[in-house]
């Protein structure tokens, strides 16, 4: 029997080591007590469960956890944001709000000049700006802003967000921190997502 995250009962939740001597049940998969400090890597191995302490899990390509509820549908949708003609070295915020639970699995971006002058020879569009991406809950996909080419991909070769992707619940927001490195730029970023759509009322959810 698995918990809500698809893990066998007996495996602690993220960042929560199992408590020795406390029974693990479906209603209490971690046991009792509280952890004051985040455990070390060595302390986070599984113990006492049906699986070995460590297991190999694919990171790329993304392995999304999608609902198996027959009343939940899935749809691919691109969410976009961007900035236009912002001064050089000025950090600007662009946001994407999610009204439907969504999983981000790939990220693309591009830029072009708005004054009719092309990019300098040898300079790629993704190297004309710095970008960082944060979640409205405080989580960060990027710990710091970096050149667009190190964070984003192109439409023909997107940057994949591995593991289980990056989950945005209803009402949450993706926050882009974009810094142009040239004048007169339009910069567009695109989130490739899977939306999970459930019934519109509280019935027929079984």
N, C-alpha and C. Protein backbone atom coordinates (compact mmCIF):
# COMPACT_ATOMS: atom_id res chain seq x y z
N UNK A 1 0.85 -1.19 0.00
CA UNK A 1 0.00 0.00 0.00
C UNK A 1 0.88 1.24 0.00
N UNK A 2 0.54 2.22 -0.81
CA UNK A 2 1.37 3.42 -0.94
C UNK A 2 0.71 4.62 -0.28
N UNK A 3 1.53 5.62 0.07
CA UNK A 3 0.97 6.85 0.61
C UNK A 3 0.55 7.77 -0.52
N UNK A 4 0.18 9.02 -0.18
CA UNK A 4 -0.35 9.96 -1.17
C UNK A 4 0.68 10.34 -2.23
N UNK A 5 1.97 10.10 -1.94
CA UNK A 5 3.02 10.45 -2.88
C UNK A 5 3.52 9.25 -3.67
N UNK A 6 2.86 8.09 -3.51
CA UNK A 6 3.25 6.92 -4.26
C UNK A 6 4.36 6.12 -3.61
N UNK A 7 4.77 6.50 -2.37
CA UNK A 7 5.83 5.78 -1.69
C UNK A 7 5.22 4.71 -0.79
N UNK A 8 5.90 3.59 -0.61
CA UNK A 8 5.39 2.57 0.32
C UNK A 8 5.31 3.14 1.73
N UNK A 9 4.28 2.73 2.48
CA UNK A 9 4.19 3.16 3.87
C UNK A 9 5.44 2.73 4.62
N UNK A 10 5.92 3.60 5.48
CA UNK A 10 7.14 3.32 6.21
C UNK A 10 8.29 4.18 5.75
N UNK A 11 8.12 4.84 4.58
CA UNK A 11 9.16 5.75 4.12
C UNK A 11 8.80 7.16 4.55
N UNK A 12 9.73 7.89 5.20
CA UNK A 12 9.41 9.22 5.71
C UNK A 12 9.16 10.21 4.59
N UNK A 13 8.41 11.25 4.93
CA UNK A 13 8.18 12.33 3.99
C UNK A 13 9.48 13.09 3.78
N UNK A 14 9.50 13.96 2.78
CA UNK A 14 10.71 14.72 2.45
C UNK A 14 11.21 15.49 3.65
N UNK A 15 12.49 15.28 3.99
CA UNK A 15 13.09 16.04 5.08
C UNK A 15 12.68 15.58 6.46
N UNK A 16 11.95 14.46 6.57
CA UNK A 16 11.47 14.00 7.87
C UNK A 16 11.97 12.59 8.13
N UNK A 17 13.03 12.41 8.90
CA UNK A 17 13.53 11.06 9.16
C UNK A 17 12.55 10.27 10.00
N UNK A 18 12.49 8.95 9.77
CA UNK A 18 11.61 8.10 10.56
C UNK A 18 12.05 8.12 12.02
N UNK A 19 11.08 7.99 12.92
CA UNK A 19 11.37 8.03 14.34
C UNK A 19 11.44 6.60 14.86
N UNK A 20 12.56 6.25 15.45
CA UNK A 20 12.78 4.89 15.93
C UNK A 20 11.83 4.57 17.08
N UNK A 21 11.26 3.37 17.04
CA UNK A 21 10.42 2.91 18.13
C UNK A 21 8.99 3.37 18.07
N UNK A 22 8.62 4.14 17.04
CA UNK A 22 7.25 4.62 16.91
C UNK A 22 6.61 3.93 15.74
N UNK A 23 5.44 3.37 15.96
CA UNK A 23 4.76 2.61 14.91
C UNK A 23 4.44 3.50 13.72
N UNK A 24 4.66 2.96 12.52
CA UNK A 24 4.34 3.66 11.28
C UNK A 24 3.04 3.09 10.74
N UNK A 25 2.05 3.94 10.53
CA UNK A 25 0.74 3.51 10.05
C UNK A 25 0.33 4.38 8.88
N UNK A 26 -0.72 3.96 8.12
CA UNK A 26 -1.17 4.82 7.01
C UNK A 26 -1.54 6.23 7.45
N UNK A 27 -2.01 6.39 8.68
CA UNK A 27 -2.34 7.73 9.17
C UNK A 27 -1.15 8.47 9.73
N UNK A 28 -0.02 7.78 9.93
CA UNK A 28 1.16 8.38 10.52
C UNK A 28 2.40 7.77 9.88
N UNK A 29 2.67 8.09 8.60
CA UNK A 29 3.74 7.43 7.86
C UNK A 29 5.14 7.76 8.35
N UNK A 30 5.31 8.78 9.18
CA UNK A 30 6.63 9.19 9.63
C UNK A 30 6.91 8.73 11.05
N UNK A 31 5.88 8.51 11.83
CA UNK A 31 6.07 8.23 13.24
C UNK A 31 5.86 9.49 14.05
N UNK A 32 6.22 9.47 15.33
CA UNK A 32 5.99 10.63 16.17
C UNK A 32 7.22 11.49 16.30
N UNK A 33 7.10 12.62 16.99
CA UNK A 33 8.24 13.47 17.24
C UNK A 33 8.48 14.47 16.13
N UNK A 34 9.40 15.39 16.37
CA UNK A 34 9.72 16.42 15.40
C UNK A 34 11.22 16.50 15.19
N UNK A 35 11.63 16.78 13.95
CA UNK A 35 13.04 16.94 13.64
C UNK A 35 13.38 18.43 13.67
N UNK A 36 14.37 18.80 14.49
CA UNK A 36 14.75 20.20 14.61
C UNK A 36 15.65 20.62 13.46
N UNK A 37 16.61 19.76 13.12
CA UNK A 37 17.57 20.08 12.08
C UNK A 37 17.33 19.21 10.85
N UNK A 38 17.56 19.77 9.68
CA UNK A 38 17.47 19.00 8.45
C UNK A 38 18.51 17.89 8.50
N UNK A 39 18.12 16.63 8.23
CA UNK A 39 19.09 15.53 8.30
C UNK A 39 20.13 15.63 7.21
N UNK A 40 21.26 14.98 7.44
CA UNK A 40 22.31 14.92 6.43
C UNK A 40 21.91 13.94 5.34
N UNK A 41 22.65 13.94 4.25
CA UNK A 41 22.39 13.00 3.15
C UNK A 41 22.44 11.56 3.64
N UNK A 42 23.43 11.22 4.47
CA UNK A 42 23.58 9.85 4.95
C UNK A 42 22.42 9.43 5.84
N UNK A 43 21.82 10.38 6.57
CA UNK A 43 20.73 10.07 7.48
C UNK A 43 19.40 9.87 6.77
N UNK A 44 19.32 10.24 5.50
CA UNK A 44 18.03 10.19 4.82
C UNK A 44 17.79 8.88 4.08
N UNK A 45 18.67 7.90 4.23
CA UNK A 45 18.42 6.60 3.62
C UNK A 45 17.24 5.91 4.29
N UNK A 46 16.47 5.15 3.52
CA UNK A 46 15.33 4.44 4.08
C UNK A 46 15.80 3.31 4.99
N UNK A 47 14.95 2.95 5.96
CA UNK A 47 15.29 1.84 6.83
C UNK A 47 14.01 1.18 7.32
N UNK A 48 14.06 -0.13 7.41
CA UNK A 48 12.93 -0.85 7.96
C UNK A 48 11.75 -1.01 7.04
N UNK A 49 11.85 -0.55 5.81
CA UNK A 49 10.74 -0.65 4.89
C UNK A 49 10.95 -1.76 3.88
N UNK A 50 10.03 -1.90 2.92
CA UNK A 50 10.14 -2.97 1.93
C UNK A 50 11.21 -2.72 0.88
N UNK A 51 11.72 -1.50 0.78
CA UNK A 51 12.73 -1.17 -0.22
C UNK A 51 14.10 -1.02 0.44
N UNK A 52 15.19 -1.18 -0.31
CA UNK A 52 16.52 -0.94 0.25
C UNK A 52 16.69 0.54 0.60
N UNK A 53 17.75 0.89 1.38
CA UNK A 53 17.92 2.29 1.81
C UNK A 53 17.94 3.29 0.67
N UNK A 54 18.44 2.88 -0.52
CA UNK A 54 18.52 3.80 -1.65
C UNK A 54 18.00 3.08 -2.89
N UNK A 55 17.42 3.82 -3.79
CA UNK A 55 16.99 3.25 -5.06
C UNK A 55 17.28 4.24 -6.17
N UNK A 56 17.51 3.72 -7.38
CA UNK A 56 17.79 4.58 -8.53
C UNK A 56 16.47 5.05 -9.14
N UNK A 57 16.35 6.37 -9.35
CA UNK A 57 15.14 6.96 -9.90
C UNK A 57 15.53 7.82 -11.09
N UNK A 58 14.88 7.66 -12.26
CA UNK A 58 15.21 8.49 -13.42
C UNK A 58 14.97 9.97 -13.13
N UNK A 59 15.91 10.82 -13.55
CA UNK A 59 15.74 12.26 -13.41
C UNK A 59 15.38 12.90 -14.75
N UNK A 60 16.03 12.49 -15.81
CA UNK A 60 15.71 12.97 -17.16
C UNK A 60 15.40 11.77 -18.02
N UNK A 61 14.36 11.80 -18.82
CA UNK A 61 13.38 12.89 -18.91
C UNK A 61 12.50 12.94 -17.68
N UNK A 62 11.67 14.01 -17.53
CA UNK A 62 10.80 14.10 -16.36
C UNK A 62 9.89 12.88 -16.23
N UNK A 63 9.67 12.46 -15.00
CA UNK A 63 8.77 11.35 -14.69
C UNK A 63 7.62 11.92 -13.86
N UNK A 64 6.61 12.48 -14.51
CA UNK A 64 5.55 13.21 -13.81
C UNK A 64 4.62 12.26 -13.07
N UNK A 65 4.22 12.67 -11.86
CA UNK A 65 3.21 11.93 -11.10
C UNK A 65 1.84 12.51 -11.45
N UNK A 66 1.05 11.75 -12.22
CA UNK A 66 -0.26 12.20 -12.66
C UNK A 66 -1.35 11.41 -11.96
N UNK A 67 -2.45 12.07 -11.66
CA UNK A 67 -3.56 11.43 -10.96
C UNK A 67 -4.14 10.29 -11.79
N UNK A 68 -4.49 9.21 -11.12
CA UNK A 68 -5.16 8.08 -11.78
C UNK A 68 -6.67 8.12 -11.56
N UNK A 69 -7.16 9.17 -10.91
CA UNK A 69 -8.60 9.33 -10.70
C UNK A 69 -9.30 9.43 -12.06
N UNK A 70 -10.32 8.61 -12.28
CA UNK A 70 -10.98 8.59 -13.58
C UNK A 70 -11.73 9.88 -13.89
N UNK A 71 -11.95 10.72 -12.87
CA UNK A 71 -12.63 11.98 -13.08
C UNK A 71 -11.66 13.15 -13.27
N UNK A 72 -10.38 12.85 -13.31
CA UNK A 72 -9.36 13.90 -13.49
C UNK A 72 -8.79 13.78 -14.90
N UNK A 73 -8.81 14.90 -15.62
CA UNK A 73 -8.26 14.94 -16.97
C UNK A 73 -6.96 15.70 -17.00
N UNK A 74 -6.17 15.47 -18.07
CA UNK A 74 -4.87 16.13 -18.21
C UNK A 74 -4.78 16.83 -19.56
N UNK A 75 -4.19 17.99 -19.55
CA UNK A 75 -4.07 18.78 -20.77
C UNK A 75 -2.74 19.51 -20.79
N UNK A 76 -2.08 19.48 -21.93
CA UNK A 76 -0.83 20.24 -22.09
C UNK A 76 -1.15 21.71 -22.38
N UNK A 77 -0.47 22.61 -21.68
CA UNK A 77 -0.69 24.04 -21.92
C UNK A 77 0.61 24.80 -21.69
N UNK A 78 0.85 25.79 -22.54
CA UNK A 78 2.01 26.67 -22.38
C UNK A 78 1.57 27.94 -21.65
N UNK A 79 2.34 28.30 -20.64
CA UNK A 79 2.13 29.55 -19.92
C UNK A 79 3.30 30.48 -20.21
N UNK A 80 3.01 31.72 -20.57
CA UNK A 80 4.07 32.62 -20.95
C UNK A 80 4.09 33.91 -20.16
N UNK A 81 5.25 34.53 -20.13
CA UNK A 81 5.44 35.84 -19.52
C UNK A 81 6.60 36.50 -20.23
N UNK A 82 6.75 37.81 -20.03
CA UNK A 82 7.86 38.49 -20.68
C UNK A 82 7.97 39.93 -20.27
N UNK A 83 9.02 40.59 -20.79
CA UNK A 83 9.24 42.01 -20.54
C UNK A 83 9.58 42.68 -21.86
N UNK A 84 9.41 44.00 -21.91
CA UNK A 84 9.62 44.75 -23.15
C UNK A 84 10.34 46.06 -22.84
N UNK A 85 11.47 46.26 -23.50
CA UNK A 85 12.21 47.53 -23.45
C UNK A 85 12.49 48.01 -22.03
N UNK A 86 13.02 47.12 -21.21
CA UNK A 86 13.44 47.49 -19.86
C UNK A 86 14.91 47.90 -19.89
N UNK A 87 15.26 48.87 -19.06
CA UNK A 87 16.63 49.40 -19.05
C UNK A 87 17.64 48.30 -18.71
N UNK A 88 18.86 48.47 -19.26
CA UNK A 88 19.94 47.51 -19.02
C UNK A 88 20.21 47.38 -17.51
N UNK A 89 20.45 46.12 -17.09
CA UNK A 89 20.83 45.79 -15.71
C UNK A 89 19.76 46.16 -14.68
N UNK A 90 18.52 46.23 -15.14
CA UNK A 90 17.40 46.47 -14.24
C UNK A 90 16.64 45.17 -14.02
N UNK A 91 16.57 44.71 -12.78
CA UNK A 91 15.86 43.47 -12.47
C UNK A 91 14.36 43.73 -12.52
N UNK A 92 13.67 42.98 -13.34
CA UNK A 92 12.23 43.15 -13.52
C UNK A 92 11.51 41.83 -13.24
N UNK A 93 10.35 41.92 -12.61
CA UNK A 93 9.57 40.73 -12.27
C UNK A 93 8.48 40.50 -13.29
N UNK A 94 8.39 39.28 -13.77
CA UNK A 94 7.28 38.84 -14.63
C UNK A 94 6.67 37.61 -13.99
N UNK A 95 5.34 37.54 -13.92
CA UNK A 95 4.70 36.46 -13.19
C UNK A 95 3.72 35.68 -14.08
N UNK A 96 3.52 34.42 -13.69
CA UNK A 96 2.51 33.56 -14.30
C UNK A 96 1.69 32.96 -13.17
N UNK A 97 0.38 33.22 -13.17
CA UNK A 97 -0.49 32.66 -12.14
C UNK A 97 -1.20 31.44 -12.66
N UNK A 98 -1.32 30.42 -11.81
CA UNK A 98 -1.96 29.17 -12.18
C UNK A 98 -3.31 29.07 -11.50
N UNK A 99 -4.37 28.99 -12.31
CA UNK A 99 -5.72 28.82 -11.78
C UNK A 99 -6.12 27.35 -11.72
N UNK A 100 -5.28 26.49 -12.29
CA UNK A 100 -5.50 25.05 -12.32
C UNK A 100 -4.22 24.38 -11.85
N UNK A 101 -4.30 23.33 -11.02
CA UNK A 101 -3.08 22.62 -10.65
C UNK A 101 -2.29 22.20 -11.89
N UNK A 102 -1.00 22.52 -11.91
CA UNK A 102 -0.19 22.29 -13.10
C UNK A 102 1.20 21.79 -12.70
N UNK A 103 1.82 21.05 -13.62
CA UNK A 103 3.17 20.55 -13.41
C UNK A 103 4.06 21.07 -14.53
N UNK A 104 5.07 21.84 -14.18
CA UNK A 104 6.03 22.36 -15.14
C UNK A 104 7.04 21.27 -15.47
N UNK A 105 7.18 20.95 -16.77
CA UNK A 105 8.14 19.92 -17.15
C UNK A 105 9.20 20.41 -18.14
N UNK A 106 9.03 21.62 -18.70
CA UNK A 106 10.04 22.16 -19.61
C UNK A 106 9.94 23.68 -19.64
N UNK A 107 11.08 24.30 -19.98
CA UNK A 107 11.19 25.76 -19.93
C UNK A 107 11.92 26.25 -21.17
N UNK A 108 11.33 27.24 -21.86
CA UNK A 108 11.97 27.83 -23.03
C UNK A 108 11.95 29.36 -22.91
N UNK A 109 12.77 30.01 -23.72
CA UNK A 109 12.81 31.47 -23.73
C UNK A 109 13.49 31.94 -25.01
N UNK A 110 13.32 33.22 -25.29
CA UNK A 110 14.01 33.85 -26.42
C UNK A 110 13.97 35.36 -26.25
N UNK A 111 14.70 36.05 -27.10
CA UNK A 111 14.74 37.51 -27.06
C UNK A 111 15.08 38.04 -28.45
N UNK A 112 14.61 39.26 -28.74
CA UNK A 112 15.01 39.93 -29.98
C UNK A 112 14.99 41.44 -29.75
N UNK A 113 15.67 42.17 -30.60
CA UNK A 113 15.75 43.62 -30.45
C UNK A 113 14.53 44.28 -31.06
N UNK A 114 14.09 45.37 -30.46
CA UNK A 114 12.90 46.10 -30.92
C UNK A 114 13.24 47.36 -31.69
N UNK A 115 14.53 47.65 -31.86
CA UNK A 115 14.92 48.89 -32.54
C UNK A 115 15.38 48.64 -33.97
N UNK A 116 15.20 47.42 -34.47
CA UNK A 116 15.59 47.12 -35.84
C UNK A 116 17.06 46.78 -36.01
N UNK A 117 17.81 46.85 -34.92
CA UNK A 117 19.24 46.51 -34.96
C UNK A 117 19.40 45.08 -34.44
N UNK A 118 20.10 44.27 -35.20
CA UNK A 118 20.27 42.88 -34.79
C UNK A 118 21.20 42.72 -33.60
N UNK A 119 21.26 41.51 -33.10
CA UNK A 119 22.17 41.21 -31.99
C UNK A 119 23.62 41.29 -32.47
N UNK A 120 24.55 41.62 -31.57
CA UNK A 120 25.97 41.65 -31.95
C UNK A 120 26.40 40.29 -32.50
N UNK A 121 27.33 40.30 -33.42
CA UNK A 121 27.82 39.07 -34.03
C UNK A 121 28.38 38.14 -32.95
N UNK A 122 27.94 36.90 -32.99
CA UNK A 122 28.41 35.91 -32.02
C UNK A 122 27.63 35.85 -30.73
N UNK A 123 26.64 36.72 -30.57
CA UNK A 123 25.86 36.73 -29.34
C UNK A 123 24.51 36.07 -29.59
N UNK A 124 24.17 35.07 -28.77
CA UNK A 124 22.91 34.36 -28.91
C UNK A 124 21.81 35.07 -28.13
N UNK A 125 20.57 34.87 -28.57
CA UNK A 125 19.44 35.53 -27.92
C UNK A 125 19.35 35.21 -26.43
N UNK A 126 19.62 33.95 -26.07
CA UNK A 126 19.50 33.55 -24.67
C UNK A 126 20.62 34.09 -23.80
N UNK A 127 21.63 34.72 -24.40
CA UNK A 127 22.71 35.32 -23.63
C UNK A 127 22.57 36.84 -23.52
N UNK A 128 21.38 37.36 -23.81
CA UNK A 128 21.14 38.80 -23.70
C UNK A 128 20.44 39.18 -22.41
N UNK A 129 20.23 38.22 -21.52
CA UNK A 129 19.54 38.52 -20.27
C UNK A 129 19.90 37.49 -19.20
N UNK A 130 19.74 37.91 -17.95
CA UNK A 130 19.83 37.00 -16.80
C UNK A 130 18.42 36.63 -16.38
N UNK A 131 18.26 35.41 -15.86
CA UNK A 131 16.92 34.99 -15.45
C UNK A 131 17.00 34.08 -14.24
N UNK A 132 16.04 34.24 -13.35
CA UNK A 132 15.85 33.35 -12.21
C UNK A 132 14.38 33.02 -12.11
N UNK A 133 14.04 31.89 -11.49
CA UNK A 133 12.65 31.46 -11.40
C UNK A 133 12.35 31.00 -9.99
N UNK A 134 11.29 31.59 -9.41
CA UNK A 134 10.88 31.27 -8.05
C UNK A 134 9.42 30.86 -8.01
N UNK A 135 9.05 30.17 -6.95
CA UNK A 135 7.67 29.76 -6.69
C UNK A 135 7.09 30.71 -5.66
N UNK A 136 5.78 30.97 -5.72
CA UNK A 136 5.17 31.89 -4.76
C UNK A 136 5.22 31.36 -3.33
N UNK A 137 5.50 30.06 -3.15
CA UNK A 137 5.61 29.51 -1.80
C UNK A 137 7.02 29.67 -1.23
N UNK A 138 7.90 30.35 -1.98
CA UNK A 138 9.26 30.59 -1.51
C UNK A 138 10.30 29.65 -2.09
N UNK A 139 9.85 28.57 -2.74
CA UNK A 139 10.78 27.64 -3.35
C UNK A 139 11.43 28.30 -4.57
N UNK A 140 12.61 27.85 -4.93
CA UNK A 140 13.32 28.39 -6.08
C UNK A 140 13.76 27.27 -7.01
N UNK A 141 13.47 27.41 -8.28
CA UNK A 141 14.02 26.48 -9.26
C UNK A 141 15.49 26.80 -9.49
N UNK A 142 15.82 28.10 -9.49
CA UNK A 142 17.20 28.54 -9.64
C UNK A 142 17.61 29.28 -8.37
N UNK A 143 18.73 28.91 -7.79
CA UNK A 143 19.15 29.56 -6.55
C UNK A 143 19.59 31.00 -6.78
N UNK A 144 20.10 31.29 -7.98
CA UNK A 144 20.46 32.66 -8.35
C UNK A 144 20.13 32.87 -9.82
N UNK A 145 20.06 34.11 -10.23
CA UNK A 145 19.83 34.43 -11.64
C UNK A 145 21.10 34.18 -12.43
N UNK A 146 20.94 33.62 -13.63
CA UNK A 146 22.07 33.32 -14.50
C UNK A 146 21.69 33.62 -15.94
N UNK A 147 22.68 33.58 -16.85
CA UNK A 147 22.40 33.80 -18.27
C UNK A 147 21.27 32.89 -18.72
N UNK A 148 20.41 33.43 -19.59
CA UNK A 148 19.27 32.66 -20.07
C UNK A 148 19.64 31.32 -20.68
N UNK A 149 20.81 31.26 -21.33
CA UNK A 149 21.22 30.02 -21.99
C UNK A 149 21.55 28.92 -20.99
N UNK A 150 21.82 29.28 -19.73
CA UNK A 150 22.12 28.27 -18.72
C UNK A 150 20.87 27.79 -18.00
N UNK A 151 19.76 28.50 -18.16
CA UNK A 151 18.52 28.16 -17.45
C UNK A 151 17.45 27.65 -18.41
N UNK A 152 17.32 28.29 -19.57
CA UNK A 152 16.22 28.01 -20.50
C UNK A 152 16.72 27.28 -21.74
N UNK A 153 15.80 26.65 -22.43
CA UNK A 153 16.09 26.06 -23.73
C UNK A 153 15.32 26.80 -24.80
N UNK A 154 15.34 26.25 -26.00
CA UNK A 154 14.60 26.82 -27.12
C UNK A 154 13.37 25.96 -27.41
N UNK A 155 12.49 26.44 -28.29
CA UNK A 155 11.29 25.67 -28.62
C UNK A 155 11.65 24.34 -29.27
N UNK A 156 12.74 24.32 -30.03
CA UNK A 156 13.16 23.09 -30.68
C UNK A 156 13.90 22.15 -29.73
N UNK A 157 14.45 22.70 -28.65
CA UNK A 157 15.17 21.88 -27.68
C UNK A 157 14.98 22.47 -26.28
N UNK A 158 13.81 22.22 -25.67
CA UNK A 158 13.51 22.82 -24.37
C UNK A 158 14.42 22.32 -23.27
N UNK A 159 14.54 23.13 -22.23
CA UNK A 159 15.23 22.70 -21.01
C UNK A 159 14.22 21.88 -20.20
N UNK A 160 14.53 20.64 -19.89
CA UNK A 160 13.62 19.78 -19.16
C UNK A 160 13.78 19.99 -17.66
N UNK A 161 12.65 19.96 -16.97
CA UNK A 161 12.64 20.03 -15.51
C UNK A 161 12.44 18.61 -15.01
N UNK A 162 13.53 17.99 -14.59
CA UNK A 162 13.54 16.55 -14.34
C UNK A 162 12.83 16.12 -13.08
N UNK A 163 13.00 14.84 -12.77
CA UNK A 163 12.33 14.27 -11.61
C UNK A 163 10.83 14.26 -11.81
N UNK A 164 10.09 14.75 -10.82
CA UNK A 164 8.62 14.83 -10.90
C UNK A 164 8.14 16.15 -11.47
N UNK A 165 9.05 16.91 -12.09
CA UNK A 165 8.67 18.23 -12.56
C UNK A 165 8.56 19.20 -11.38
N UNK A 166 7.99 20.36 -11.64
CA UNK A 166 7.81 21.38 -10.59
C UNK A 166 6.34 21.67 -10.48
N UNK A 167 5.74 21.42 -9.32
CA UNK A 167 4.29 21.44 -9.15
C UNK A 167 3.81 22.82 -8.70
N UNK A 168 2.77 23.29 -9.36
CA UNK A 168 2.09 24.54 -8.98
C UNK A 168 0.63 24.21 -8.70
N UNK A 169 0.20 24.46 -7.47
CA UNK A 169 -1.20 24.21 -7.13
C UNK A 169 -2.04 25.40 -7.56
N UNK A 170 -3.35 25.23 -7.50
CA UNK A 170 -4.27 26.30 -7.89
C UNK A 170 -4.03 27.54 -7.05
N UNK A 171 -3.87 28.68 -7.71
CA UNK A 171 -3.64 29.94 -7.01
C UNK A 171 -2.19 30.29 -6.80
N UNK A 172 -1.27 29.38 -7.10
CA UNK A 172 0.16 29.68 -6.93
C UNK A 172 0.70 30.40 -8.16
N UNK A 173 1.90 30.95 -8.03
CA UNK A 173 2.46 31.81 -9.07
C UNK A 173 3.92 31.46 -9.32
N UNK A 174 4.30 31.48 -10.59
CA UNK A 174 5.70 31.39 -10.97
C UNK A 174 6.22 32.82 -11.16
N UNK A 175 7.34 33.13 -10.55
CA UNK A 175 7.90 34.48 -10.58
C UNK A 175 9.24 34.46 -11.29
N UNK A 176 9.32 35.17 -12.41
CA UNK A 176 10.57 35.29 -13.16
C UNK A 176 11.27 36.59 -12.77
N UNK A 177 12.55 36.51 -12.49
CA UNK A 177 13.38 37.69 -12.24
C UNK A 177 14.29 37.85 -13.45
N UNK A 178 14.01 38.85 -14.28
CA UNK A 178 14.68 39.00 -15.57
C UNK A 178 15.48 40.30 -15.58
N UNK A 179 16.74 40.21 -16.01
CA UNK A 179 17.61 41.37 -16.09
C UNK A 179 18.17 41.48 -17.50
N UNK A 180 17.71 42.47 -18.31
CA UNK A 180 18.27 42.64 -19.66
C UNK A 180 19.73 43.07 -19.60
N UNK A 181 20.54 42.53 -20.49
CA UNK A 181 21.94 42.92 -20.60
C UNK A 181 22.19 43.80 -21.82
N UNK A 182 21.11 44.09 -22.56
CA UNK A 182 21.14 44.99 -23.71
C UNK A 182 19.90 45.87 -23.67
N UNK A 183 19.98 47.01 -24.35
CA UNK A 183 18.82 47.88 -24.45
C UNK A 183 17.88 47.41 -25.56
N UNK A 184 16.64 47.86 -25.48
CA UNK A 184 15.65 47.63 -26.54
C UNK A 184 15.44 46.14 -26.83
N UNK A 185 15.11 45.41 -25.79
CA UNK A 185 14.87 43.98 -25.95
C UNK A 185 13.44 43.62 -25.60
N UNK A 186 12.88 42.67 -26.36
CA UNK A 186 11.69 41.96 -25.93
C UNK A 186 12.16 40.56 -25.52
N UNK A 187 11.83 40.17 -24.29
CA UNK A 187 12.24 38.87 -23.77
C UNK A 187 10.99 38.08 -23.40
N UNK A 188 10.83 36.91 -23.98
CA UNK A 188 9.69 36.04 -23.69
C UNK A 188 10.18 34.75 -23.06
N UNK A 189 9.47 34.30 -22.03
CA UNK A 189 9.74 33.00 -21.41
C UNK A 189 8.47 32.17 -21.48
N UNK A 190 8.63 30.87 -21.55
CA UNK A 190 7.49 29.99 -21.75
C UNK A 190 7.61 28.77 -20.85
N UNK A 191 6.54 28.47 -20.12
CA UNK A 191 6.48 27.29 -19.27
C UNK A 191 5.62 26.24 -19.95
N UNK A 192 6.19 25.08 -20.19
CA UNK A 192 5.44 23.98 -20.79
C UNK A 192 4.94 23.11 -19.63
N UNK A 193 3.62 22.99 -19.52
CA UNK A 193 3.02 22.38 -18.34
C UNK A 193 1.97 21.33 -18.71
N UNK A 194 1.69 20.47 -17.75
CA UNK A 194 0.54 19.57 -17.80
C UNK A 194 -0.46 20.07 -16.75
N UNK A 195 -1.67 20.40 -17.18
CA UNK A 195 -2.73 20.77 -16.26
C UNK A 195 -3.49 19.53 -15.81
N UNK A 196 -3.87 19.52 -14.54
CA UNK A 196 -4.75 18.47 -14.03
C UNK A 196 -6.10 19.10 -13.70
N UNK A 197 -7.13 18.63 -14.39
CA UNK A 197 -8.46 19.20 -14.24
C UNK A 197 -9.40 18.16 -13.63
N UNK A 198 -10.01 18.51 -12.49
CA UNK A 198 -10.94 17.62 -11.82
C UNK A 198 -12.37 18.07 -12.00
N UNK A 199 -13.32 17.36 -11.36
CA UNK A 199 -14.74 17.74 -11.46
C UNK A 199 -14.98 19.09 -10.82
N UNK A 200 -16.02 19.77 -11.26
CA UNK A 200 -16.29 21.12 -10.79
C UNK A 200 -17.12 21.14 -9.51
N UNK A 201 -17.53 19.96 -9.03
CA UNK A 201 -18.29 19.92 -7.77
C UNK A 201 -17.66 18.88 -6.86
N UNK A 202 -18.29 18.64 -5.73
CA UNK A 202 -17.70 17.76 -4.73
C UNK A 202 -18.19 16.31 -4.85
N UNK A 203 -18.89 15.99 -5.92
CA UNK A 203 -19.43 14.64 -6.08
C UNK A 203 -18.65 13.87 -7.12
N UNK A 204 -18.83 12.60 -7.14
CA UNK A 204 -18.24 11.71 -8.16
C UNK A 204 -16.72 11.81 -8.20
N UNK A 205 -16.08 11.80 -7.03
CA UNK A 205 -14.63 11.87 -6.99
C UNK A 205 -13.99 10.52 -6.68
N UNK A 206 -14.80 9.49 -6.57
CA UNK A 206 -14.24 8.20 -6.20
C UNK A 206 -13.65 7.48 -7.38
